[in-house]
Amino acid sequence: MSTATGTPAYLTKKWLADHLSDERREADLLSEVREAIFGAQDGVTSILAVVITVATATNQQYAVLVAGIAAALAEILSMAAGEYMSSKSQREIFLAQIEKERREVEERPGESEAEVAFMLEREGLQEEAAQRVAAELAREPKVLLKTMVEKELGLAVEEGHSAVQGAVILAATFAAASLVPLSPFFLFEPRVALPIAVGFSAVVMFALGVAKSRLTGRNPVRSGLEIVALVLAASVGGWIFGSLLPRALGLAGVSG
């Protein structure tokens, strides 16, 4: 594709700016999708384990719903708070590291230039070329700082999505996913709802794995089956604990 003057579009600053902006948005979107997949996966498997455990132990619809809803609410609040504090703390640590590098650039520019030259040489540039590039970067302290931060620390100077945004995405997807194993128990007694919950969860998780494969490029069937394995593990674990728990509590002198 070329411009009216015959110059390739990719050589124009506007095309390059738009292209880089699109790629940045795509990277941010992939990060959000990762959080959404994690929230959905955890919402299905953890709540499925809870409802199977309680249903097996009590065979009471009311008890299953109370336990499942309580577990879902606790997880939603815990995951949202944890994601928010984790992202906020991580960003604060990153900013402190960036500020340390900024002081180094201001106070010891020669050292910073030498570090960048060394890193460029380590990445494959010849020594003279690496020194020449580092010297050009050192003409603009902000550019030198950004290069040091990205290459030395592996950090981005620009901020990604906010800690609140990540917490909301994680909490919302967990809340929606938790309804998958819970919903059958609103309609049916535990004996009927149990296999429906397991089957529904397996179908949803398989679909999630297939959707994830579109981003990772992996085999969709294999990706789906890997996540379904989590459903089966949660089901077996819930059934085992649900079967053993009444006996264990009975031995401890606790009765239902």
Protein backbone atom coordinates (compact mmCIF):
# COMPACT_ATOMS: atom_id res chain seq x y z
CA MET A 1 0.00 0.00 0.00
CA SER A 2 1.38 3.42 -1.03
CA THR A 3 0.49 7.06 -0.55
CA ALA A 4 -0.45 9.44 -3.37
CA THR A 5 3.21 10.37 -3.75
CA GLY A 6 4.21 6.75 -4.17
CA THR A 7 5.83 6.50 -0.73
CA PRO A 8 5.05 3.22 1.06
CA ALA A 9 2.43 3.84 3.74
CA TYR A 10 4.57 2.23 6.42
CA LEU A 11 7.17 4.98 5.97
CA THR A 12 4.75 7.74 6.97
CA LYS A 13 4.68 8.84 10.59
CA LYS A 14 0.88 8.83 10.72
CA TRP A 15 0.70 5.18 9.59
CA LEU A 16 3.41 4.18 12.05
CA ALA A 17 1.73 6.06 14.92
CA ASP A 18 -1.65 4.47 14.18
CA HIS A 19 -0.11 1.03 13.76
CA LEU A 20 1.81 1.19 17.04
CA SER A 21 -1.28 2.53 18.83
CA ASP A 22 -3.34 -0.38 17.51
CA GLU A 23 -0.72 -2.88 18.63
CA ARG A 24 -0.62 -1.33 22.11
CA ARG A 25 -4.40 -1.53 22.40
CA GLU A 26 -4.26 -5.16 21.29
CA ALA A 27 -1.63 -5.93 23.95
CA ASP A 28 -3.77 -4.25 26.63
CA LEU A 29 -6.81 -6.20 25.42
CA LEU A 30 -4.92 -9.48 25.65
CA SER A 31 -4.02 -8.63 29.24
CA GLU A 32 -7.68 -8.03 30.03
CA VAL A 33 -8.65 -11.28 28.30
CA ARG A 34 -6.11 -13.14 30.46
CA GLU A 35 -7.77 -11.77 33.60
CA ALA A 36 -11.23 -12.60 32.26
CA ILE A 37 -10.22 -16.19 31.44
CA PHE A 38 -8.66 -16.63 34.88
CA GLY A 39 -11.78 -15.25 36.58
CA ALA A 40 -14.13 -17.45 34.55
CA GLN A 41 -12.03 -20.57 35.03
CA ASP A 42 -11.74 -20.04 38.78
CA GLY A 43 -15.42 -19.14 39.11
CA VAL A 44 -16.58 -22.40 37.56
CA THR A 45 -14.13 -24.80 39.20
CA SER A 46 -14.06 -23.41 42.73
CA ILE A 47 -17.82 -22.98 43.08
CA LEU A 48 -18.41 -26.36 41.43
CA ALA A 49 -16.21 -27.97 44.08
CA VAL A 50 -18.18 -26.23 46.83
CA VAL A 51 -21.65 -27.18 45.56
CA ILE A 52 -20.64 -30.80 44.92
CA THR A 53 -19.11 -31.08 48.39
CA VAL A 54 -22.18 -29.65 50.13
CA ALA A 55 -24.68 -31.52 47.92
CA THR A 56 -22.92 -34.84 48.51
CA ALA A 57 -22.66 -34.21 52.24
CA THR A 58 -26.19 -32.91 52.89
CA ASN A 59 -28.37 -33.54 49.83
CA GLN A 60 -30.18 -30.30 50.76
CA GLN A 61 -30.94 -27.70 48.09
CA TYR A 62 -31.05 -24.81 50.58
CA ALA A 63 -27.68 -25.73 52.09
CA VAL A 64 -26.07 -26.01 48.64
CA LEU A 65 -27.34 -22.60 47.56
CA VAL A 66 -26.33 -20.86 50.78
CA ALA A 67 -22.85 -22.38 50.68
CA GLY A 68 -22.41 -21.74 46.97
CA ILE A 69 -23.58 -18.13 47.10
CA ALA A 70 -21.53 -17.42 50.23
CA ALA A 71 -18.42 -18.93 48.63
CA ALA A 72 -18.99 -16.95 45.45
CA LEU A 73 -19.41 -13.66 47.32
CA ALA A 74 -16.32 -14.32 49.43
CA GLU A 75 -14.25 -15.18 46.34
CA ILE A 76 -15.50 -12.16 44.40
CA LEU A 77 -14.55 -9.75 47.19
CA SER A 78 -11.27 -11.52 47.89
CA MET A 79 -10.18 -11.73 44.25
CA ALA A 80 -11.17 -8.14 43.49
CA ALA A 81 -9.35 -6.80 46.54
CA GLY A 82 -6.35 -9.03 45.91
CA GLU A 83 -6.08 -8.04 42.24
CA TYR A 84 -6.43 -4.35 43.10
CA MET A 85 -3.80 -4.39 45.85
CA SER A 86 -1.46 -6.61 43.86
CA SER A 87 -1.62 -4.42 40.73
CA LYS A 88 -1.36 -1.21 42.75
CA SER A 89 1.62 -2.47 44.76
CA GLN A 90 3.33 -3.78 41.64
CA ARG A 91 2.91 -0.43 39.89
CA GLU A 92 4.25 1.45 42.92
CA ILE A 93 7.32 -0.79 42.97
CA PHE A 94 7.81 -0.26 39.23
CA LEU A 95 7.54 3.54 39.65
CA ALA A 96 10.13 3.45 42.43
CA GLN A 97 12.50 1.50 40.16
CA ILE A 98 11.88 3.92 37.29
CA GLU A 99 12.57 6.88 39.58
CA LYS A 100 15.86 5.27 40.63
CA GLU A 101 16.88 4.94 36.97
CA ARG A 102 15.80 8.55 36.34
CA ARG A 103 18.17 9.77 39.06
CA GLU A 104 20.97 7.70 37.54
CA VAL A 105 20.40 9.27 34.12
CA GLU A 106 20.41 12.77 35.66
CA GLU A 107 23.36 12.29 38.00
CA ARG A 108 25.53 9.78 36.10
CA PRO A 109 24.68 10.10 32.38
CA GLY A 110 27.98 8.57 31.29
CA GLU A 111 27.30 5.43 33.32
CA SER A 112 23.78 5.18 31.89
CA GLU A 113 25.09 5.54 28.35
CA ALA A 114 27.70 2.82 28.97
CA GLU A 115 25.02 0.47 30.35
CA VAL A 116 22.80 0.96 27.31
CA ALA A 117 25.74 0.40 24.96
CA PHE A 118 26.61 -2.81 26.78
CA MET A 119 23.02 -4.08 26.63
CA LEU A 120 22.78 -3.30 22.92
CA GLU A 121 26.07 -5.09 22.31
CA ARG A 122 24.82 -8.07 24.29
CA GLU A 123 21.74 -8.16 22.07
CA GLY A 124 23.87 -8.48 18.93
CA LEU A 125 25.13 -5.08 17.82
CA GLN A 126 28.82 -4.63 17.15
CA GLU A 127 30.65 -2.71 19.87
CA GLU A 128 31.15 0.44 17.79
CA ALA A 129 27.54 0.43 16.59
CA ALA A 130 26.25 -0.12 20.13
CA GLN A 131 28.32 2.82 21.44
CA ARG A 132 27.17 5.03 18.57
CA VAL A 133 23.49 4.22 19.18
CA ALA A 134 23.86 4.73 22.94
CA ALA A 135 25.54 8.09 22.33
CA GLU A 136 22.63 9.20 20.13
CA LEU A 137 20.11 8.06 22.77
CA ALA A 138 22.04 9.94 25.45
CA ARG A 139 21.37 13.19 23.60
CA GLU A 140 17.78 12.94 24.85
CA PRO A 141 17.68 11.93 28.56
CA LYS A 142 14.01 10.90 28.37
CA VAL A 143 14.75 8.50 25.51
CA LEU A 144 17.80 7.15 27.32
CA LEU A 145 15.72 6.63 30.48
CA LYS A 146 12.99 4.79 28.59
CA THR A 147 15.56 2.57 26.88
CA MET A 148 17.23 1.74 30.20
CA VAL A 149 13.93 0.99 31.94
CA GLU A 150 12.69 -1.27 29.16
CA LYS A 151 15.94 -3.12 28.51
CA GLU A 152 17.45 -3.26 32.00
CA LEU A 153 14.32 -3.71 34.10
CA GLY A 154 11.88 -5.10 31.54
CA LEU A 155 9.32 -2.43 32.46
CA ALA A 156 7.18 -0.04 30.46
CA VAL A 157 7.27 3.64 31.33
CA GLU A 158 3.68 4.08 30.11
CA GLU A 159 0.94 2.83 32.39
CA GLY A 160 -1.33 0.01 31.27
CA HIS A 161 -4.89 -0.40 32.50
CA SER A 162 -5.64 0.69 36.04
CA ALA A 163 -5.71 -1.54 39.11
CA VAL A 164 -9.43 -0.86 39.47
CA GLN A 165 -10.10 -1.98 35.92
CA GLY A 166 -8.29 -5.28 36.45
CA ALA A 167 -10.16 -5.90 39.72
CA VAL A 168 -13.53 -5.19 38.10
CA ILE A 169 -12.83 -7.52 35.15
CA LEU A 170 -11.70 -10.33 37.43
CA ALA A 171 -14.64 -9.94 39.82
CA ALA A 172 -17.25 -9.64 37.06
CA THR A 173 -16.09 -12.71 35.16
CA PHE A 174 -15.86 -14.74 38.37
CA ALA A 175 -19.39 -13.70 39.35
CA ALA A 176 -20.81 -14.64 35.95
CA ALA A 177 -18.93 -17.94 35.84
CA SER A 178 -20.01 -18.93 39.36
CA LEU A 179 -23.61 -19.04 38.13
CA VAL A 180 -22.75 -21.94 35.82
CA PRO A 181 -22.44 -24.61 38.58
CA LEU A 182 -24.93 -22.82 40.85
CA SER A 183 -27.86 -22.32 38.47
CA PRO A 184 -29.05 -25.96 38.29
CA PHE A 185 -29.55 -25.98 42.07
CA PHE A 186 -32.07 -23.15 41.80
CA LEU A 187 -34.24 -25.36 39.60
CA PHE A 188 -33.70 -28.94 40.73
CA GLU A 189 -33.05 -30.97 43.86
CA PRO A 190 -29.40 -31.89 44.47
CA ARG A 191 -29.59 -35.44 43.05
CA VAL A 192 -30.81 -34.09 39.71
CA ALA A 193 -28.85 -30.82 39.78
CA LEU A 194 -25.46 -32.44 40.44
CA PRO A 195 -24.93 -34.14 37.05
CA ILE A 196 -26.45 -31.13 35.28
CA ALA A 197 -24.01 -28.80 37.05
CA VAL A 198 -21.03 -30.98 36.15
CA GLY A 199 -22.13 -31.35 32.53
CA PHE A 200 -22.96 -27.65 32.11
CA SER A 201 -19.63 -26.66 33.67
CA ALA A 202 -17.74 -29.04 31.38
CA VAL A 203 -19.43 -27.61 28.28
CA VAL A 204 -18.79 -24.00 29.31
CA MET A 205 -15.17 -24.70 30.21
CA PHE A 206 -14.58 -26.55 26.95
CA ALA A 207 -15.95 -23.52 25.07
CA LEU A 208 -13.66 -21.29 27.12
CA GLY A 209 -10.67 -23.42 26.19
CA VAL A 210 -11.60 -23.29 22.50
CA ALA A 211 -11.98 -19.49 22.70
CA LYS A 212 -8.60 -19.22 24.42
CA SER A 213 -6.98 -21.25 21.63
CA ARG A 214 -7.87 -18.47 19.18
CA LEU A 215 -5.50 -16.22 21.10
CA THR A 216 -2.76 -18.76 21.81
CA GLY A 217 -2.83 -20.54 18.44
CA ARG A 218 -3.00 -23.95 20.12
CA ASN A 219 -5.15 -26.88 19.09
CA PRO A 220 -8.70 -25.89 20.14
CA VAL A 221 -9.77 -29.41 21.15
CA ARG A 222 -6.69 -29.96 23.28
CA SER A 223 -7.03 -26.50 24.84
CA GLY A 224 -10.69 -27.21 25.66
CA LEU A 225 -10.00 -30.64 27.12
CA GLU A 226 -7.24 -29.26 29.35
CA ILE A 227 -9.71 -26.92 31.04
CA VAL A 228 -12.39 -29.61 31.20
CA ALA A 229 -9.87 -31.64 33.19
CA LEU A 230 -10.14 -28.96 35.89
CA VAL A 231 -13.91 -29.51 36.02
CA LEU A 232 -13.41 -33.26 36.45
CA ALA A 233 -10.79 -32.70 39.16
CA ALA A 234 -13.11 -30.32 41.01
CA SER A 235 -15.98 -32.79 40.68
CA VAL A 236 -13.99 -35.74 41.99
CA GLY A 237 -12.46 -33.67 44.80
CA GLY A 238 -15.86 -32.32 45.82
CA TRP A 239 -17.44 -35.77 45.81
CA ILE A 240 -14.61 -37.26 47.90
CA PHE A 241 -14.74 -34.49 50.50
CA GLY A 242 -18.53 -34.49 50.50
CA SER A 243 -18.55 -38.22 51.18
CA LEU A 244 -15.92 -38.13 53.90
CA LEU A 245 -16.94 -34.90 55.62
CA PRO A 246 -20.12 -36.16 57.37
CA ARG A 247 -18.19 -39.13 58.76
CA ALA A 248 -15.31 -36.94 59.92
CA LEU A 249 -17.68 -34.51 61.60
CA GLY A 250 -19.58 -37.41 63.16
CA LEU A 251 -16.39 -38.74 64.68
CA ALA A 252 -15.73 -35.25 66.04
CA GLY A 253 -19.14 -35.25 67.69
CA VAL A 254 -20.72 -32.78 65.25
CA SER A 255 -24.06 -33.77 63.77
CA GLY A 256 -26.14 -32.20 61.03
